[in-house]
Amino acid sequence: MSNQASALLTHSSDDCNILRQQIQTSLQRAETQRNRLKNVERRFGIVNICLGAAATFIAGQSAISDNPLIGNWRATTTVASVITLSSTIIGGVQKQLAAPDLLTEASECVAKLKALKVETISPAYEVEPVSEEYQQILSDFSKVDC
């Protein structure tokens, strides 16, 4: 094998490895963002459900027993309304911190990057089409940290 052919092979191998590493790094970052969004969504969802259930229980139990659950009626309705207000605020914050469309977009980005990673398993894949597809993914999912 000539020195020139050997140099081309090495350069091509380096390009393959660099692109493979970039895809892996982007995949890890996108997965981290997706997992963080899922955790935020789950935590805020659980808190929201618990607060809503507590407010409903306080108001409902007081109405069923015809006796205020906490002190007098004014105290009971105040507590129930404060808990309901908290639930509403938590729901609003949840929508801001874990927007469903961003979670969907992050999940799609992860899936596409995983598919692209599979294409780079071969030690001698074609760099140009994979690179173009990688750039397209980065462009399509600009809101995702990848």
C-alpha atoms as a PDB file:
ATOM      1  CA  MET A   1       0.000   0.000   0.000  1.00  0.00           C
ATOM      2  CA  SER A   2       1.381   3.402  -0.910  1.00  0.00           C
ATOM      3  CA  ASN A   3       1.983   6.136   1.666  1.00  0.00           C
ATOM      4  CA  GLN A   4      -0.692   8.293   0.026  1.00  0.00           C
ATOM      5  CA  ALA A   5      -3.334   5.525   0.239  1.00  0.00           C
ATOM      6  CA  SER A   6      -2.317   4.835   3.826  1.00  0.00           C
ATOM      7  CA  ALA A   7      -2.671   8.531   4.696  1.00  0.00           C
ATOM      8  CA  LEU A   8      -6.142   8.626   3.115  1.00  0.00           C
ATOM      9  CA  LEU A   9      -7.214   5.558   5.100  1.00  0.00           C
ATOM     10  CA  THR A  10      -5.958   7.080   8.354  1.00  0.00           C
ATOM     11  CA  HIS A  11      -7.642  10.387   7.626  1.00  0.00           C
ATOM     12  CA  SER A  12     -10.891   8.618   6.790  1.00  0.00           C
ATOM     13  CA  SER A  13     -10.668   6.554   9.966  1.00  0.00           C
ATOM     14  CA  ASP A  14     -10.065   9.717  11.999  1.00  0.00           C
ATOM     15  CA  ASP A  15     -13.064  11.392  10.374  1.00  0.00           C
ATOM     16  CA  CYS A  16     -15.207   8.349  11.169  1.00  0.00           C
ATOM     17  CA  ASN A  17     -14.097   8.329  14.793  1.00  0.00           C
ATOM     18  CA  ILE A  18     -14.570  12.076  15.243  1.00  0.00           C
ATOM     19  CA  LEU A  19     -18.083  12.013  13.787  1.00  0.00           C
ATOM     20  CA  ARG A  20     -18.945   8.876  15.789  1.00  0.00           C
ATOM     21  CA  GLN A  21     -17.812  10.653  18.971  1.00  0.00           C
ATOM     22  CA  GLN A  22     -19.792  13.813  18.123  1.00  0.00           C
ATOM     23  CA  ILE A  23     -22.933  11.747  17.583  1.00  0.00           C
ATOM     24  CA  GLN A  24     -22.359   9.899  20.874  1.00  0.00           C
ATOM     25  CA  THR A  25     -21.854  13.172  22.758  1.00  0.00           C
ATOM     26  CA  SER A  26     -24.992  14.683  21.228  1.00  0.00           C
ATOM     27  CA  LEU A  27     -26.945  11.540  22.059  1.00  0.00           C
ATOM     28  CA  GLN A  28     -25.821  11.668  25.696  1.00  0.00           C
ATOM     29  CA  ARG A  29     -26.730  15.345  25.999  1.00  0.00           C
ATOM     30  CA  ALA A  30     -30.152  14.831  24.398  1.00  0.00           C
ATOM     31  CA  GLU A  31     -30.845  11.818  26.640  1.00  0.00           C
ATOM     32  CA  THR A  32     -29.845  13.840  29.698  1.00  0.00           C
ATOM     33  CA  GLN A  33     -32.217  16.647  28.721  1.00  0.00           C
ATOM     34  CA  ARG A  34     -35.043  14.210  27.935  1.00  0.00           C
ATOM     35  CA  ASN A  35     -34.577  12.415  31.266  1.00  0.00           C
ATOM     36  CA  ARG A  36     -34.474  15.704  33.166  1.00  0.00           C
ATOM     37  CA  LEU A  37     -37.697  16.843  31.486  1.00  0.00           C
ATOM     38  CA  LYS A  38     -39.359  13.513  32.273  1.00  0.00           C
ATOM     39  CA  ASN A  39     -38.314  13.759  35.919  1.00  0.00           C
ATOM     40  CA  VAL A  40     -39.583  17.324  36.238  1.00  0.00           C
ATOM     41  CA  GLU A  41     -42.859  16.313  34.572  1.00  0.00           C
ATOM     42  CA  ARG A  42     -43.251  13.329  36.892  1.00  0.00           C
ATOM     43  CA  ARG A  43     -42.400  15.189  40.109  1.00  0.00           C
ATOM     44  CA  PHE A  44     -44.626  18.171  39.417  1.00  0.00           C
ATOM     45  CA  GLY A  45     -47.400  15.851  38.269  1.00  0.00           C
ATOM     46  CA  ILE A  46     -47.273  13.868  41.500  1.00  0.00           C
ATOM     47  CA  VAL A  47     -47.270  17.021  43.640  1.00  0.00           C
ATOM     48  CA  ASN A  48     -50.156  18.456  41.605  1.00  0.00           C
ATOM     49  CA  ILE A  49     -52.230  15.284  42.012  1.00  0.00           C
ATOM     50  CA  CYS A  50     -51.531  15.103  45.748  1.00  0.00           C
ATOM     51  CA  LEU A  51     -52.477  18.746  46.315  1.00  0.00           C
ATOM     52  CA  GLY A  52     -55.668  18.373  44.275  1.00  0.00           C
ATOM     53  CA  ALA A  53     -56.576  15.211  46.178  1.00  0.00           C
ATOM     54  CA  ALA A  54     -55.931  16.886  49.544  1.00  0.00           C
ATOM     55  CA  ALA A  55     -58.103  19.884  48.690  1.00  0.00           C
ATOM     56  CA  THR A  56     -60.865  17.616  47.414  1.00  0.00           C
ATOM     57  CA  PHE A  57     -60.655  15.434  50.516  1.00  0.00           C
ATOM     58  CA  ILE A  58     -60.846  18.391  52.908  1.00  0.00           C
ATOM     59  CA  ALA A  59     -63.802  19.981  51.132  1.00  0.00           C
ATOM     60  CA  GLY A  60     -65.558  16.690  50.432  1.00  0.00           C
ATOM     61  CA  GLN A  61     -65.118  15.176  53.882  1.00  0.00           C
ATOM     62  CA  SER A  62     -66.351  18.383  55.486  1.00  0.00           C
ATOM     63  CA  ALA A  63     -69.432  18.447  53.243  1.00  0.00           C
ATOM     64  CA  ILE A  64     -70.228  14.757  53.787  1.00  0.00           C
ATOM     65  CA  SER A  65     -69.871  14.914  57.552  1.00  0.00           C
ATOM     66  CA  ASP A  66     -71.611  18.316  57.692  1.00  0.00           C
ATOM     67  CA  ASN A  67     -68.856  19.306  60.053  1.00  0.00           C
ATOM     68  CA  PRO A  68     -65.797  21.404  59.186  1.00  0.00           C
ATOM     69  CA  LEU A  69     -62.708  19.198  59.082  1.00  0.00           C
ATOM     70  CA  ILE A  70     -60.400  21.994  60.241  1.00  0.00           C
ATOM     71  CA  GLY A  71     -61.717  24.295  62.962  1.00  0.00           C
ATOM     72  CA  ASN A  72     -64.687  26.200  61.549  1.00  0.00           C
ATOM     73  CA  TRP A  73     -66.086  26.439  58.025  1.00  0.00           C
ATOM     74  CA  ARG A  74     -64.077  29.533  57.208  1.00  0.00           C
ATOM     75  CA  ALA A  75     -60.798  27.846  58.202  1.00  0.00           C
ATOM     76  CA  THR A  76     -61.709  24.673  56.315  1.00  0.00           C
ATOM     77  CA  THR A  77     -62.578  26.505  53.091  1.00  0.00           C
ATOM     78  CA  THR A  78     -59.481  28.705  53.428  1.00  0.00           C
ATOM     79  CA  VAL A  79     -57.210  25.680  53.735  1.00  0.00           C
ATOM     80  CA  ALA A  80     -58.929  23.924  50.829  1.00  0.00           C
ATOM     81  CA  SER A  81     -58.681  27.023  48.631  1.00  0.00           C
ATOM     82  CA  VAL A  82     -54.994  27.608  49.478  1.00  0.00           C
ATOM     83  CA  ILE A  83     -54.224  23.983  48.606  1.00  0.00           C
ATOM     84  CA  THR A  84     -56.189  24.329  45.346  1.00  0.00           C
ATOM     85  CA  LEU A  85     -54.319  27.554  44.536  1.00  0.00           C
ATOM     86  CA  SER A  86     -51.017  25.754  45.186  1.00  0.00           C
ATOM     87  CA  SER A  87     -52.076  22.947  42.876  1.00  0.00           C
ATOM     88  CA  THR A  88     -52.891  25.453  40.131  1.00  0.00           C
ATOM     89  CA  ILE A  89     -49.547  27.207  40.541  1.00  0.00           C
ATOM     90  CA  ILE A  90     -47.661  23.893  40.468  1.00  0.00           C
ATOM     91  CA  GLY A  91     -49.529  22.948  37.277  1.00  0.00           C
ATOM     92  CA  GLY A  92     -48.526  26.240  35.648  1.00  0.00           C
ATOM     93  CA  VAL A  93     -44.891  25.907  36.679  1.00  0.00           C
ATOM     94  CA  GLN A  94     -44.907  22.342  35.364  1.00  0.00           C
ATOM     95  CA  LYS A  95     -46.024  23.552  31.930  1.00  0.00           C
ATOM     96  CA  GLN A  96     -43.173  26.079  31.879  1.00  0.00           C
ATOM     97  CA  LEU A  97     -40.374  23.802  33.096  1.00  0.00           C
ATOM     98  CA  ALA A  98     -41.366  20.621  31.266  1.00  0.00           C
ATOM     99  CA  ALA A  99     -43.233  21.735  28.184  1.00  0.00           C
ATOM    100  CA  PRO A 100     -44.786  18.636  26.588  1.00  0.00           C
ATOM    101  CA  ASP A 101     -43.679  19.679  23.101  1.00  0.00           C
ATOM    102  CA  LEU A 102     -40.054  19.993  24.248  1.00  0.00           C
ATOM    103  CA  LEU A 103     -40.190  16.556  25.858  1.00  0.00           C
ATOM    104  CA  THR A 104     -41.584  15.104  22.631  1.00  0.00           C
ATOM    105  CA  GLU A 105     -38.935  16.892  20.590  1.00  0.00           C
ATOM    106  CA  ALA A 106     -36.145  15.652  22.882  1.00  0.00           C
ATOM    107  CA  SER A 107     -37.463  12.088  22.606  1.00  0.00           C
ATOM    108  CA  GLU A 108     -37.567  12.300  18.804  1.00  0.00           C
ATOM    109  CA  CYS A 109     -34.039  13.719  18.729  1.00  0.00           C
ATOM    110  CA  VAL A 110     -32.770  10.857  20.905  1.00  0.00           C
ATOM    111  CA  ALA A 111     -34.415   8.309  18.610  1.00  0.00           C
ATOM    112  CA  LYS A 112     -32.884   9.831  15.478  1.00  0.00           C
ATOM    113  CA  LEU A 113     -29.447  10.087  17.064  1.00  0.00           C
ATOM    114  CA  LYS A 114     -29.645   6.448  18.154  1.00  0.00           C
ATOM    115  CA  ALA A 115     -30.499   5.432  14.593  1.00  0.00           C
ATOM    116  CA  LEU A 116     -27.589   7.489  13.327  1.00  0.00           C
ATOM    117  CA  LYS A 117     -25.294   5.903  15.897  1.00  0.00           C
ATOM    118  CA  VAL A 118     -26.252   2.471  14.529  1.00  0.00           C
ATOM    119  CA  GLU A 119     -25.181   3.634  11.071  1.00  0.00           C
ATOM    120  CA  THR A 120     -21.718   4.405  12.456  1.00  0.00           C
ATOM    121  CA  ILE A 121     -21.133   0.960  13.955  1.00  0.00           C
ATOM    122  CA  SER A 122     -19.355  -0.194  10.833  1.00  0.00           C
ATOM    123  CA  PRO A 123     -15.670   0.742  11.046  1.00  0.00           C
ATOM    124  CA  ALA A 124     -15.735   2.156   7.497  1.00  0.00           C
ATOM    125  CA  TYR A 125     -19.079   3.892   7.040  1.00  0.00           C
ATOM    126  CA  GLU A 126     -19.577   6.727   4.565  1.00  0.00           C
ATOM    127  CA  VAL A 127     -18.830   9.888   6.492  1.00  0.00           C
ATOM    128  CA  GLU A 128     -20.464  12.425   4.158  1.00  0.00           C
ATOM    129  CA  PRO A 129     -24.095  11.166   4.233  1.00  0.00           C
ATOM    130  CA  VAL A 130     -23.939  10.488   7.970  1.00  0.00           C
ATOM    131  CA  SER A 131     -22.458  13.922   8.574  1.00  0.00           C
ATOM    132  CA  GLU A 132     -25.205  15.548   6.508  1.00  0.00           C
ATOM    133  CA  GLU A 133     -27.898  13.625   8.384  1.00  0.00           C
ATOM    134  CA  TYR A 134     -26.290  14.574  11.704  1.00  0.00           C
ATOM    135  CA  GLN A 135     -26.278  18.253  10.735  1.00  0.00           C
ATOM    136  CA  GLN A 136     -29.927  17.941   9.698  1.00  0.00           C
ATOM    137  CA  ILE A 137     -30.833  16.466  13.093  1.00  0.00           C
ATOM    138  CA  LEU A 138     -29.033  19.300  14.879  1.00  0.00           C
ATOM    139  CA  SER A 139     -30.911  21.781  12.698  1.00  0.00           C
ATOM    140  CA  ASP A 140     -34.319  20.114  13.103  1.00  0.00           C
ATOM    141  CA  PHE A 141     -34.012  19.890  16.871  1.00  0.00           C
ATOM    142  CA  SER A 142     -32.473  23.254  17.686  1.00  0.00           C
ATOM    143  CA  LYS A 143     -34.487  23.520  20.943  1.00  0.00           C
ATOM    144  CA  VAL A 144     -32.925  20.311  22.222  1.00  0.00           C
ATOM    145  CA  ASP A 145     -29.522  20.486  23.864  1.00  0.00           C
ATOM    146  CA  CYS A 146     -27.672  18.054  21.613  1.00  0.00           C
END
